[in-house]
Amino acid sequence: MSSMNEAASANLRSVPYDLLVVGGGVNGCGIARDAAGRGARVLLVEQDDLASHTSSASTKLIHGGLRYLEYYEFRLVREALIERERLLSIAPHIIWPMRFVLPHSKMLRPAWLLRAGLFLYDHLCPRMSLPKTNKVNLRSNRVGEPLRDEYRLGFVYSDGWVQDSRLVVLNAMDASAHGAEILTRTRLTAAKRGAEGWDATLTDTVTGETRQVRARAIVNAAGPWVAELLKDKVHVESRNSVRLVKGSHIVVPRVFDGAQSYIFQNPDKRIVFAIPYETDFTLIGTTDVPWEQDPSHVEIAPDEVKYLCESVNRYFKKTISPDDVVWSYAGVRPLYDDNSGSASAVTRDYVLDVDSAAAPILSVFGGKITTFRKLAEHAIERLAPFLPVLKGPEWTASRPLPGGDFERSQFRSLVEKLKVQGPWLDTYTAWRLVRNYGTRAFEIVKADEARMGQRFGETLTQAEVDYLIDHEWARSAEDILWRRSKIGLRVGTDVAASLQSYIDQRKTSAHPAPVEKERESAS
């Protein structure tokens, strides 16, 4: 958020917030949404854009974590599988089912072990709606066509796919609809603790302007910076530690046909996914590399690119090399440090630490994107003894995220309905808009193509850009091309420059919360 107007500034200084949430990733936005929906007065601050770091650098899966069964993480897997069902229901536009092909390699885990693990995976989730696992002959089944001839036996199981950064934004939008204030490009630079609350200093990272706010409690959902915030900003001793692990991904031109994904076992016992991505590409990842440097600047290393290429080349007939990579990304996972020997073995479970020596502060260690909603419920439960306003009933399990108020079976009909509203739309553009915005796509598309305004390459129009600025906190071309969408894969630097120029020329309000509140009250 570039600046705060005078009315907002006065508001920040007057009535204390119930909750100051630090961190605009999936956990922070999930907690802000849940708390605001129970009636709490919530302020969320994020030093960059929403989902700028870990939450936009995932493998983009909503899954139980099949490999976690090897580490006996049965509670985590069960919770994640139950959450998978809920998230598929409340966000059918950005989350959808996907089938995964697991070829059996005689050099690695035995077939009986894979079969047993998949049986358990299917049955840890009560009332599972997705198809269960089945064994396939890879020589006769079409899913085996891209694979090398030595792979004959395979298993096909179900999990989910998510547009990770959009999941974060939609949680922030729903938090805003329930009254939360969302300030991006705003950093917590200091906080003084008292018996009844916190006096915090916020700094606009664009203008350098500072503001003072008061809050009864703080949620430290700063991800890779969780320990640093405790030590340097709020001066609270941490009773837990975080272990930073870098995960990197590459994107290459499409390697195989079909909607299925592949999960490959490697000789080092790690697994790598190959996933259909943005229609024309294949996403491959991830790595697990210990990270001790600045989490703000993370890039894939050449040896990681080589590792990922070699991992899929063991299985696919069509080989790839580092020269085929059209895009790569890397992020740092702030995992709870359970003293595991290897980065791959570190738990993906989460720990919520509440320090209540004076005004409470809750810190989030670890977690995975699939369990963010349940993590938020647990965080609210831990804070409720100190903030009675949070003792309202749980509500997020069945409430659709913005644009998700339709049944999954209605997706194709929504695409056709959008084409009726905008007769100029081709099928791909209509599909992309519904896939990104769900029913909110109807707020973007105008019947007259001329009213969509300037085109910024591919299918991106001024009307869509305006929507993202007005409703989704987009403030830069990067926000739009790489986090609100992946159109950056299809356009060049000239389009990015033109888009940034347009954004710079627009005068925006401090934040879009009033728009969301109006919609909430109208509904």
Protein backbone atom coordinates (compact mmCIF):
# COMPACT_ATOMS: atom_id res chain seq x y z
CA MET A 1 0.00 0.00 0.00
CA SER A 2 1.70 3.17 -1.13
CA SER A 3 0.25 5.61 1.44
CA MET A 4 -2.58 6.16 3.89
CA ASN A 5 -4.98 9.09 3.60
CA GLU A 6 -5.61 11.43 6.54
CA ALA A 7 -8.91 9.82 7.56
CA ALA A 8 -7.31 6.38 7.58
CA SER A 9 -4.36 7.74 9.60
CA ALA A 10 -6.65 9.13 12.26
CA ASN A 11 -8.53 5.85 12.38
CA LEU A 12 -5.29 3.93 12.85
CA ARG A 13 -4.33 6.06 15.84
CA SER A 14 -7.68 6.04 17.66
CA VAL A 15 -9.52 2.82 18.47
CA PRO A 16 -7.18 -0.11 19.14
CA TYR A 17 -7.32 -3.07 16.81
CA ASP A 18 -8.09 -6.41 18.33
CA LEU A 19 -5.51 -8.05 16.12
CA LEU A 20 -2.48 -6.82 14.19
CA VAL A 21 -1.49 -9.54 11.73
CA VAL A 22 2.05 -9.26 10.37
CA GLY A 23 2.54 -11.14 7.10
CA GLY A 24 0.46 -11.25 3.93
CA GLY A 25 1.07 -14.86 3.03
CA VAL A 26 -1.53 -17.61 3.13
CA ASN A 27 -1.36 -18.09 6.91
CA GLY A 28 -1.58 -14.39 7.74
CA CYS A 29 -4.45 -13.77 5.33
CA GLY A 30 -6.23 -16.90 6.51
CA ILE A 31 -6.01 -15.80 10.14
CA ALA A 32 -7.14 -12.26 9.27
CA ARG A 33 -10.14 -13.65 7.39
CA ASP A 34 -11.21 -15.95 10.21
CA ALA A 35 -10.79 -13.29 12.93
CA ALA A 36 -12.59 -10.56 10.97
CA GLY A 37 -15.48 -12.92 10.26
CA ARG A 38 -15.94 -13.43 14.01
CA GLY A 39 -16.23 -9.69 14.55
CA ALA A 40 -12.67 -8.77 15.49
CA ARG A 41 -11.18 -5.47 14.39
CA VAL A 42 -8.22 -6.62 12.29
CA LEU A 43 -5.30 -4.88 10.60
CA LEU A 44 -2.99 -6.90 8.35
CA VAL A 45 0.33 -5.51 7.14
CA GLU A 46 2.58 -6.98 4.47
CA GLN A 47 5.99 -5.51 3.66
CA ASP A 48 5.69 -6.34 -0.06
CA ASP A 49 2.78 -7.55 -2.19
CA LEU A 50 0.43 -10.24 -0.95
CA ALA A 51 1.96 -13.69 -1.49
CA SER A 52 5.26 -12.14 -2.58
CA HIS A 53 7.43 -14.85 -1.12
CA THR A 54 6.76 -18.40 0.14
CA SER A 55 3.06 -18.47 -0.68
CA SER A 56 3.60 -17.88 -4.40
CA ALA A 57 6.59 -20.21 -4.68
CA SER A 58 4.92 -23.53 -3.88
CA THR A 59 4.39 -26.58 -6.09
CA LYS A 60 0.78 -25.34 -6.18
CA LEU A 61 -0.75 -28.51 -4.80
CA ILE A 62 -3.63 -29.00 -2.39
CA HIS A 63 -2.63 -32.41 -1.12
CA GLY A 64 -2.22 -34.58 1.91
CA GLY A 65 1.47 -35.15 1.25
CA LEU A 66 1.81 -38.78 0.24
CA ARG A 67 5.50 -38.93 1.11
CA TYR A 68 4.86 -37.69 4.66
CA LEU A 69 3.43 -41.12 5.46
CA GLU A 70 7.01 -42.45 5.39
CA TYR A 71 7.75 -40.15 8.31
CA TYR A 72 4.63 -41.31 10.20
CA GLU A 73 2.99 -37.87 9.94
CA PHE A 74 -0.46 -39.46 10.03
CA ARG A 75 -2.19 -36.57 11.84
CA LEU A 76 -0.84 -34.00 9.40
CA VAL A 77 -1.78 -36.09 6.36
CA ARG A 78 -5.28 -36.75 7.66
CA GLU A 79 -5.85 -33.07 8.46
CA ALA A 80 -4.52 -32.06 5.03
CA LEU A 81 -6.74 -34.57 3.21
CA ILE A 82 -9.83 -33.35 5.06
CA GLU A 83 -8.84 -29.76 4.22
CA ARG A 84 -8.37 -30.75 0.59
CA GLU A 85 -12.06 -31.66 0.43
CA ARG A 86 -13.13 -28.39 2.05
CA LEU A 87 -10.95 -26.20 -0.15
CA LEU A 88 -12.15 -27.91 -3.31
CA SER A 89 -15.64 -26.93 -2.24
CA ILE A 90 -15.10 -23.30 -1.24
CA ALA A 91 -12.81 -22.29 -4.12
CA PRO A 92 -13.80 -24.34 -7.19
CA HIS A 93 -12.48 -21.64 -9.55
CA ILE A 94 -8.86 -21.68 -8.35
CA ILE A 95 -8.68 -25.21 -6.88
CA TRP A 96 -9.52 -28.32 -8.84
CA PRO A 97 -8.94 -32.10 -8.74
CA MET A 98 -6.00 -33.66 -10.50
CA ARG A 99 -4.93 -37.25 -11.09
CA PHE A 100 -1.30 -38.18 -10.40
CA VAL A 101 0.58 -41.02 -12.07
CA LEU A 102 3.19 -42.75 -9.92
CA PRO A 103 5.37 -45.12 -11.99
CA HIS A 104 6.92 -47.97 -10.06
CA SER A 105 10.71 -48.17 -10.25
CA LYS A 106 12.24 -51.51 -9.29
CA MET A 107 15.34 -49.67 -8.09
CA LEU A 108 13.44 -47.80 -5.39
CA ARG A 109 10.44 -48.49 -3.15
CA PRO A 110 8.79 -51.90 -3.64
CA ALA A 111 5.36 -52.01 -5.31
CA TRP A 112 3.67 -53.47 -2.23
CA LEU A 113 4.87 -50.49 -0.15
CA LEU A 114 3.50 -48.01 -2.69
CA ARG A 115 0.19 -49.88 -2.82
CA ALA A 116 -0.07 -49.92 0.99
CA GLY A 117 0.78 -46.23 1.28
CA LEU A 118 -1.80 -45.27 -1.35
CA PHE A 119 -4.46 -47.43 0.30
CA LEU A 120 -3.83 -45.59 3.56
CA TYR A 121 -3.82 -42.25 1.71
CA ASP A 122 -7.25 -42.98 0.25
CA HIS A 123 -8.74 -44.01 3.57
CA LEU A 124 -7.31 -41.40 5.96
CA CYS A 125 -9.86 -38.97 4.58
CA PRO A 126 -13.47 -39.70 5.56
CA ARG A 127 -16.08 -39.07 2.87
CA MET A 128 -13.47 -38.59 0.15
CA SER A 129 -15.14 -37.23 -2.99
CA LEU A 130 -12.24 -37.80 -5.41
CA PRO A 131 -11.59 -41.04 -7.30
CA LYS A 132 -9.53 -43.53 -5.35
CA THR A 133 -6.24 -45.08 -6.43
CA ASN A 134 -6.08 -47.65 -9.18
CA LYS A 135 -3.23 -49.76 -10.56
CA VAL A 136 -2.43 -49.31 -14.26
CA ASN A 137 -0.41 -51.07 -16.92
CA LEU A 138 1.74 -48.26 -18.26
CA ARG A 139 2.34 -50.10 -21.53
CA SER A 140 -1.34 -50.21 -22.42
CA ASN A 141 -2.80 -47.19 -20.59
CA ARG A 142 -2.54 -43.79 -22.27
CA VAL A 143 -0.98 -42.22 -19.16
CA GLY A 144 2.06 -44.41 -19.80
CA GLU A 145 2.66 -43.11 -23.32
CA PRO A 146 5.10 -40.33 -22.29
CA LEU A 147 7.11 -42.73 -20.10
CA ARG A 148 10.17 -44.78 -21.00
CA ASP A 149 9.58 -48.42 -21.86
CA GLU A 150 11.14 -49.85 -18.69
CA TYR A 151 8.24 -48.54 -16.61
CA ARG A 152 5.41 -51.04 -16.79
CA LEU A 153 3.50 -50.79 -13.50
CA GLY A 154 2.01 -47.59 -12.17
CA PHE A 155 -0.53 -46.23 -9.73
CA VAL A 156 -2.93 -43.35 -10.36
CA TYR A 157 -4.26 -41.42 -7.37
CA SER A 158 -6.07 -38.13 -6.70
CA ASP A 159 -5.04 -34.80 -5.21
CA GLY A 160 -5.70 -31.13 -5.90
CA TRP A 161 -4.15 -28.19 -7.71
CA VAL A 162 -4.29 -24.53 -6.63
CA GLN A 163 -3.40 -21.11 -7.92
CA ASP A 164 -1.44 -20.40 -4.76
CA SER A 165 -1.01 -16.63 -4.91
CA ARG A 166 -4.66 -16.16 -5.87
CA LEU A 167 -5.66 -18.22 -2.84
CA VAL A 168 -3.85 -15.68 -0.67
CA VAL A 169 -5.49 -12.69 -2.38
CA LEU A 170 -8.98 -14.20 -2.10
CA ASN A 171 -8.51 -14.69 1.64
CA ALA A 172 -7.44 -11.06 1.95
CA MET A 173 -10.49 -9.98 -0.06
CA ASP A 174 -12.84 -11.91 2.21
CA ALA A 175 -11.09 -10.53 5.29
CA SER A 176 -11.65 -7.05 3.86
CA ALA A 177 -15.30 -7.86 3.17
CA HIS A 178 -15.66 -8.59 6.88
CA GLY A 179 -14.08 -5.29 7.89
CA ALA A 180 -10.35 -6.04 8.07
CA GLU A 181 -7.90 -3.40 6.86
CA ILE A 182 -5.23 -4.72 4.51
CA LEU A 183 -2.08 -2.65 4.05
CA THR A 184 0.47 -3.91 1.56
CA ARG A 185 3.91 -2.35 1.09
CA THR A 186 3.78 -1.69 4.84
CA ARG A 187 6.32 -3.03 7.32
CA LEU A 188 6.13 -3.41 11.10
CA THR A 189 9.33 -1.66 12.17
CA ALA A 190 8.88 -1.67 15.94
CA ALA A 191 6.40 -2.64 18.62
CA LYS A 192 6.28 -1.78 22.32
CA ARG A 193 4.49 -4.16 24.61
CA GLY A 194 2.23 -3.22 27.48
CA ALA A 195 -0.08 -5.13 29.79
CA GLU A 196 -3.15 -4.28 27.71
CA GLY A 197 -1.79 -4.06 24.20
CA TRP A 198 0.92 -3.23 21.69
CA ASP A 199 1.99 0.17 20.36
CA ALA A 200 3.34 -0.52 16.89
CA THR A 201 5.17 1.57 14.32
CA LEU A 202 4.33 0.88 10.68
CA THR A 203 6.46 2.12 7.79
CA ASP A 204 5.31 2.53 4.21
CA THR A 205 8.05 0.79 2.22
CA VAL A 206 7.44 3.02 -0.83
CA THR A 207 7.26 6.48 0.71
CA GLY A 208 9.00 5.91 4.05
CA GLU A 209 6.00 7.42 5.85
CA THR A 210 5.43 6.06 9.38
CA ARG A 211 2.24 5.55 11.37
CA GLN A 212 1.48 4.50 14.93
CA VAL A 213 -1.21 1.91 15.70
CA ARG A 214 -2.43 0.11 18.79
CA ALA A 215 -3.49 -3.53 18.96
CA ARG A 216 -4.60 -5.83 21.74
CA ALA A 217 -2.66 -8.75 20.23
CA ILE A 218 -0.21 -9.48 17.43
CA VAL A 219 -0.09 -12.44 15.08
CA ASN A 220 3.43 -13.04 13.81
CA ALA A 221 2.83 -14.77 10.46
CA ALA A 222 5.99 -13.37 8.93
CA GLY A 223 7.05 -16.69 7.39
CA PRO A 224 10.83 -16.77 6.86
CA TRP A 225 11.11 -13.67 9.06
CA VAL A 226 9.15 -15.10 12.01
CA ALA A 227 12.20 -15.44 14.27
CA GLU A 228 13.69 -12.11 13.15
CA LEU A 229 10.45 -10.29 13.97
CA LEU A 230 10.38 -11.76 17.46
CA LYS A 231 14.00 -10.87 18.17
CA ASP A 232 14.43 -7.50 16.46
CA LYS A 233 10.97 -5.90 16.22
CA VAL A 234 8.98 -6.99 19.28
CA HIS A 235 11.85 -8.15 21.51
CA VAL A 236 10.28 -11.40 22.63
CA GLU A 237 12.41 -14.46 23.18
CA SER A 238 11.42 -17.33 20.89
CA ARG A 239 10.82 -20.73 22.43
CA ASN A 240 10.89 -22.37 18.99
CA SER A 241 13.12 -22.12 15.97
CA VAL A 242 12.53 -22.07 12.24
CA ARG A 243 14.47 -23.98 9.63
CA LEU A 244 14.68 -22.35 6.22
CA VAL A 245 14.57 -24.70 3.24
CA LYS A 246 14.71 -23.49 -0.35
CA GLY A 247 12.40 -25.11 -2.85
CA SER A 248 12.94 -24.42 -6.56
CA HIS A 249 10.88 -25.13 -9.68
CA ILE A 250 11.37 -24.91 -13.42
CA VAL A 251 8.85 -24.39 -16.22
CA VAL A 252 9.48 -25.86 -19.68
CA PRO A 253 7.41 -26.18 -22.87
CA ARG A 254 4.85 -28.95 -22.48
CA VAL A 255 6.50 -32.35 -22.18
CA PHE A 256 3.40 -34.58 -22.34
CA ASP A 257 -0.23 -34.53 -23.39
CA GLY A 258 -3.22 -35.03 -21.10
CA ALA A 259 -4.53 -33.47 -17.90
CA GLN A 260 -2.71 -35.91 -15.60
CA SER A 261 0.39 -35.09 -13.55
CA TYR A 262 3.33 -37.32 -12.69
CA ILE A 263 5.12 -37.96 -9.42
CA PHE A 264 8.60 -39.46 -9.77
CA GLN A 265 10.76 -41.20 -7.18
CA ASN A 266 14.45 -40.37 -7.24
CA PRO A 267 17.46 -42.42 -6.09
CA ASP A 268 17.93 -39.98 -3.18
CA LYS A 269 14.37 -40.94 -2.07
CA ARG A 270 13.06 -37.48 -2.85
CA ILE A 271 10.11 -37.03 -5.19
CA VAL A 272 9.61 -34.61 -8.06
CA PHE A 273 6.34 -33.59 -9.71
CA ALA A 274 5.74 -32.90 -13.40
CA ILE A 275 2.47 -30.99 -13.77
CA PRO A 276 0.54 -29.51 -16.72
CA TYR A 277 0.90 -25.75 -16.35
CA GLU A 278 -0.86 -22.79 -17.95
CA THR A 279 -2.01 -24.87 -20.97
CA ASP A 280 1.28 -24.88 -22.90
CA PHE A 281 3.87 -25.68 -20.25
CA THR A 282 5.04 -28.26 -17.72
CA LEU A 283 5.92 -27.30 -14.15
CA ILE A 284 8.66 -29.41 -12.54
CA GLY A 285 9.69 -29.34 -8.87
CA THR A 286 10.71 -29.21 -6.19
CA THR A 287 14.10 -29.27 -4.52
CA ASP A 288 14.90 -29.18 -0.80
CA VAL A 289 18.03 -27.15 -0.06
CA PRO A 290 19.00 -25.71 3.36
CA TRP A 291 18.99 -21.89 3.21
CA GLU A 292 20.82 -19.51 5.54
CA GLN A 293 20.88 -16.35 3.43
CA ASP A 294 18.44 -13.46 3.00
CA PRO A 295 14.97 -14.95 2.28
CA SER A 296 14.07 -11.80 0.32
CA HIS A 297 16.38 -12.75 -2.56
CA VAL A 298 16.07 -16.38 -3.53
CA GLU A 299 16.95 -17.83 -6.92
CA ILE A 300 17.28 -21.30 -8.33
CA ALA A 301 20.88 -22.55 -8.56
CA PRO A 302 22.31 -24.22 -11.71
CA ASP A 303 22.74 -27.52 -9.86
CA GLU A 304 19.03 -27.47 -8.93
CA VAL A 305 18.06 -26.96 -12.56
CA LYS A 306 20.28 -29.90 -13.49
CA TYR A 307 18.79 -32.03 -10.71
CA LEU A 308 15.21 -31.38 -11.84
CA CYS A 309 16.03 -32.08 -15.48
CA GLU A 310 17.76 -35.34 -14.59
CA SER A 311 14.86 -36.34 -12.33
CA VAL A 312 12.28 -36.23 -15.12
CA ASN A 313 14.66 -37.54 -17.78
CA ARG A 314 14.84 -40.83 -15.84
CA TYR A 315 11.16 -41.30 -16.64
CA PHE A 316 10.07 -39.40 -19.75
CA LYS A 317 10.91 -40.42 -23.30
CA LYS A 318 11.14 -36.76 -24.24
CA THR A 319 14.15 -35.36 -22.43
CA ILE A 320 14.75 -31.79 -21.34
CA SER A 321 17.87 -29.75 -20.60
CA PRO A 322 18.55 -26.46 -18.80
CA ASP A 323 18.29 -24.75 -22.20
CA ASP A 324 14.57 -25.65 -22.30
CA VAL A 325 13.71 -23.72 -19.13
CA VAL A 326 11.47 -20.74 -19.95
CA TRP A 327 10.95 -19.66 -16.34
CA SER A 328 12.04 -20.69 -12.88
CA TYR A 329 11.17 -19.64 -9.37
CA ALA A 330 12.40 -20.38 -5.88
CA GLY A 331 11.05 -19.73 -2.41
CA VAL A 332 12.07 -20.32 1.17
CA ARG A 333 9.85 -22.53 3.30
CA PRO A 334 9.93 -21.51 6.99
CA LEU A 335 9.63 -24.99 8.47
CA TYR A 336 9.34 -25.74 12.17
CA ASP A 337 12.76 -27.04 13.21
CA ASP A 338 12.26 -30.55 14.57
CA ASN A 339 16.00 -31.32 14.40
CA SER A 340 15.61 -33.73 11.47
CA GLY A 341 18.82 -34.71 9.78
CA SER A 342 17.88 -33.78 6.20
CA ALA A 343 15.89 -30.93 4.71
CA SER A 344 13.47 -33.40 3.09
CA ALA A 345 12.68 -35.02 6.43
CA VAL A 346 11.82 -31.80 8.28
CA THR A 347 8.18 -31.85 9.35
CA ARG A 348 5.63 -29.88 7.32
CA ASP A 349 3.43 -29.65 10.40
CA TYR A 350 3.01 -26.35 12.22
CA VAL A 351 3.50 -25.04 15.73
CA LEU A 352 1.60 -22.05 17.15
CA ASP A 353 3.46 -20.38 20.00
CA VAL A 354 1.59 -17.90 22.20
CA ASP A 355 3.61 -15.64 24.49
CA SER A 356 1.21 -14.09 27.00
CA ALA A 357 3.66 -12.64 29.52
CA ALA A 358 1.93 -9.31 28.79
CA ALA A 359 -0.14 -8.40 25.72
CA PRO A 360 -0.25 -11.66 23.71
CA ILE A 361 1.68 -12.43 20.56
CA LEU A 362 1.08 -15.60 18.57
CA SER A 363 3.85 -16.79 16.24
CA VAL A 364 3.36 -19.27 13.41
CA PHE A 365 6.16 -21.77 12.82
CA GLY A 366 5.90 -24.02 9.78
CA GLY A 367 2.77 -25.16 7.99
CA LYS A 368 1.80 -25.95 4.42
CA ILE A 369 -0.58 -24.25 2.06
CA THR A 370 -3.17 -27.05 2.23
CA THR A 371 -3.69 -26.66 5.97
CA PHE A 372 -3.75 -22.85 6.16
CA ARG A 373 -7.49 -22.67 6.96
CA LYS A 374 -7.25 -25.18 9.81
CA LEU A 375 -4.11 -23.47 11.07
CA ALA A 376 -6.11 -20.22 11.19
CA GLU A 377 -8.87 -21.88 13.25
CA HIS A 378 -6.29 -23.22 15.68
CA ALA A 379 -4.66 -19.78 15.93
CA ILE A 380 -8.01 -18.16 16.75
CA GLU A 381 -8.66 -20.87 19.34
CA ARG A 382 -5.32 -20.12 20.99
CA LEU A 383 -5.99 -16.36 21.06
CA ALA A 384 -9.64 -16.54 22.18
CA PRO A 385 -8.84 -16.65 25.94
CA PHE A 386 -7.22 -13.21 25.58
CA LEU A 387 -9.66 -11.76 23.03
CA PRO A 388 -13.28 -12.70 23.86
CA VAL A 389 -14.44 -11.30 20.49
CA LEU A 390 -12.81 -14.33 18.86
CA LYS A 391 -15.02 -16.83 20.71
CA GLY A 392 -17.61 -16.84 17.96
CA PRO A 393 -18.41 -20.02 16.03
CA GLU A 394 -16.12 -21.47 13.38
CA TRP A 395 -17.32 -20.37 9.94
CA THR A 396 -14.67 -20.62 7.22
CA ALA A 397 -15.06 -24.32 6.34
CA SER A 398 -18.14 -23.79 4.20
CA ARG A 399 -18.01 -20.10 3.25
CA PRO A 400 -16.96 -19.75 -0.43
CA LEU A 401 -14.00 -17.57 -1.15
CA PRO A 402 -14.74 -14.57 -3.42
CA GLY A 403 -15.90 -15.83 -6.82
CA GLY A 404 -16.29 -19.39 -5.57
CA ASP A 405 -20.05 -19.30 -5.06
CA PHE A 406 -20.87 -22.02 -7.60
CA GLU A 407 -20.74 -25.80 -7.85
CA ARG A 408 -17.75 -27.37 -9.58
CA SER A 409 -20.08 -29.01 -12.09
CA GLN A 410 -21.17 -25.52 -13.19
CA PHE A 411 -17.73 -24.39 -14.30
CA ARG A 412 -18.20 -25.03 -18.03
CA SER A 413 -21.65 -23.44 -18.03
CA LEU A 414 -20.16 -20.35 -16.35
CA VAL A 415 -17.64 -20.10 -19.18
CA GLU A 416 -20.44 -20.25 -21.75
CA LYS A 417 -22.52 -17.75 -19.78
CA LEU A 418 -19.58 -15.33 -19.71
CA LYS A 419 -19.25 -15.64 -23.49
CA VAL A 420 -22.91 -14.62 -23.79
CA GLN A 421 -22.25 -11.54 -21.64
CA GLY A 422 -19.17 -10.74 -23.74
CA PRO A 423 -19.83 -12.03 -27.29
CA TRP A 424 -16.35 -10.92 -28.34
CA LEU A 425 -14.70 -13.42 -25.97
CA ASP A 426 -12.98 -16.49 -27.37
CA THR A 427 -13.29 -19.72 -25.39
CA TYR A 428 -9.76 -19.59 -23.95
CA THR A 429 -10.13 -16.03 -22.63
CA ALA A 430 -13.51 -16.82 -21.07
CA TRP A 431 -12.05 -19.96 -19.52
CA ARG A 432 -9.05 -18.05 -18.12
CA LEU A 433 -11.26 -15.36 -16.58
CA VAL A 434 -13.58 -17.86 -14.89
CA ARG A 435 -10.59 -19.94 -13.77
CA ASN A 436 -9.05 -16.86 -12.13
CA TYR A 437 -12.09 -14.98 -10.85
CA GLY A 438 -15.03 -17.39 -10.80
CA THR A 439 -18.31 -15.49 -10.67
CA ARG A 440 -16.38 -12.23 -10.21
CA ALA A 441 -15.42 -12.49 -13.91
CA PHE A 442 -18.85 -11.08 -14.69
CA GLU A 443 -17.80 -7.85 -12.98
CA ILE A 444 -14.88 -7.50 -15.39
CA VAL A 445 -16.36 -8.40 -18.78
CA LYS A 446 -18.30 -5.76 -20.69
CA ALA A 447 -20.70 -6.56 -23.55
CA ASP A 448 -18.94 -4.06 -25.79
CA GLU A 449 -15.30 -5.01 -26.42
CA ALA A 450 -14.36 -1.35 -26.81
CA ARG A 451 -15.34 -0.76 -23.18
CA MET A 452 -12.66 -3.25 -22.07
CA GLY A 453 -10.12 -0.53 -22.83
CA GLN A 454 -6.46 -0.87 -23.68
CA ARG A 455 -4.97 -4.30 -24.37
CA PHE A 456 -1.68 -5.22 -22.74
CA GLY A 457 -0.84 -8.28 -24.79
CA GLU A 458 -2.39 -11.73 -24.88
CA THR A 459 -5.82 -11.56 -23.20
CA LEU A 460 -5.09 -8.91 -20.57
CA THR A 461 -7.32 -5.84 -20.85
CA GLN A 462 -7.52 -2.50 -19.08
CA ALA A 463 -10.81 -3.57 -17.48
CA GLU A 464 -9.12 -6.56 -15.85
CA VAL A 465 -6.15 -4.46 -14.74
CA ASP A 466 -8.51 -1.90 -13.20
CA TYR A 467 -10.31 -4.67 -11.34
CA LEU A 468 -7.02 -5.98 -9.95
CA ILE A 469 -5.97 -2.52 -8.80
CA ASP A 470 -9.36 -1.65 -7.29
CA HIS A 471 -10.13 -4.98 -5.62
CA GLU A 472 -6.94 -7.04 -5.29
CA TRP A 473 -4.20 -4.63 -4.12
CA ALA A 474 -2.22 -4.93 -7.38
CA ARG A 475 0.33 -2.10 -7.52
CA SER A 476 2.86 -3.20 -10.14
CA ALA A 477 3.16 -5.05 -13.42
CA GLU A 478 4.85 -7.89 -11.56
CA ASP A 479 1.88 -8.18 -9.19
CA ILE A 480 -0.44 -8.63 -12.15
CA LEU A 481 1.70 -10.65 -14.58
CA TRP A 482 3.19 -13.10 -12.07
CA ARG A 483 1.00 -13.27 -8.95
CA ARG A 484 -2.56 -12.33 -9.91
CA SER A 485 -1.99 -14.27 -13.15
CA LYS A 486 0.79 -16.05 -15.01
CA ILE A 487 0.40 -13.97 -18.16
CA GLY A 488 4.07 -13.07 -17.70
CA LEU A 489 4.87 -16.43 -19.33
CA ARG A 490 3.35 -15.18 -22.58
CA VAL A 491 4.37 -11.53 -22.85
CA GLY A 492 7.66 -9.69 -23.14
CA THR A 493 9.32 -6.81 -21.34
CA ASP A 494 7.65 -4.29 -23.65
CA VAL A 495 4.19 -5.34 -22.41
CA ALA A 496 5.38 -5.26 -18.80
CA ALA A 497 6.72 -1.73 -19.30
CA SER A 498 3.48 -0.54 -20.93
CA LEU A 499 1.45 -2.07 -18.11
CA GLN A 500 3.63 -0.47 -15.44
CA SER A 501 3.28 2.89 -17.16
CA TYR A 502 -0.51 2.59 -17.05
CA ILE A 503 -0.46 1.59 -13.38
CA ASP A 504 1.77 4.54 -12.50
CA GLN A 505 -0.64 6.92 -14.19
CA ARG A 506 -3.62 5.69 -12.24
CA LYS A 507 -4.54 7.33 -8.99
CA THR A 508 -5.80 4.66 -6.61
CA SER A 509 -7.45 4.80 -3.22
CA ALA A 510 -5.61 3.69 -0.10
CA HIS A 511 -7.10 0.20 -0.31
CA PRO A 512 -10.16 -1.49 -1.83
CA ALA A 513 -11.84 -2.47 1.44
CA PRO A 514 -14.85 -0.12 1.02
CA VAL A 515 -15.70 -1.85 -2.26
CA GLU A 516 -15.62 -5.25 -0.59
CA LYS A 517 -17.66 -4.03 2.39
CA GLU A 518 -20.33 -2.64 0.12
CA ARG A 519 -20.56 -5.97 -1.68
CA GLU A 520 -20.78 -7.83 1.64
CA SER A 521 -23.59 -5.66 2.95
CA ALA A 522 -25.45 -5.90 -0.34
CA SER A 523 -25.32 -9.68 -0.26
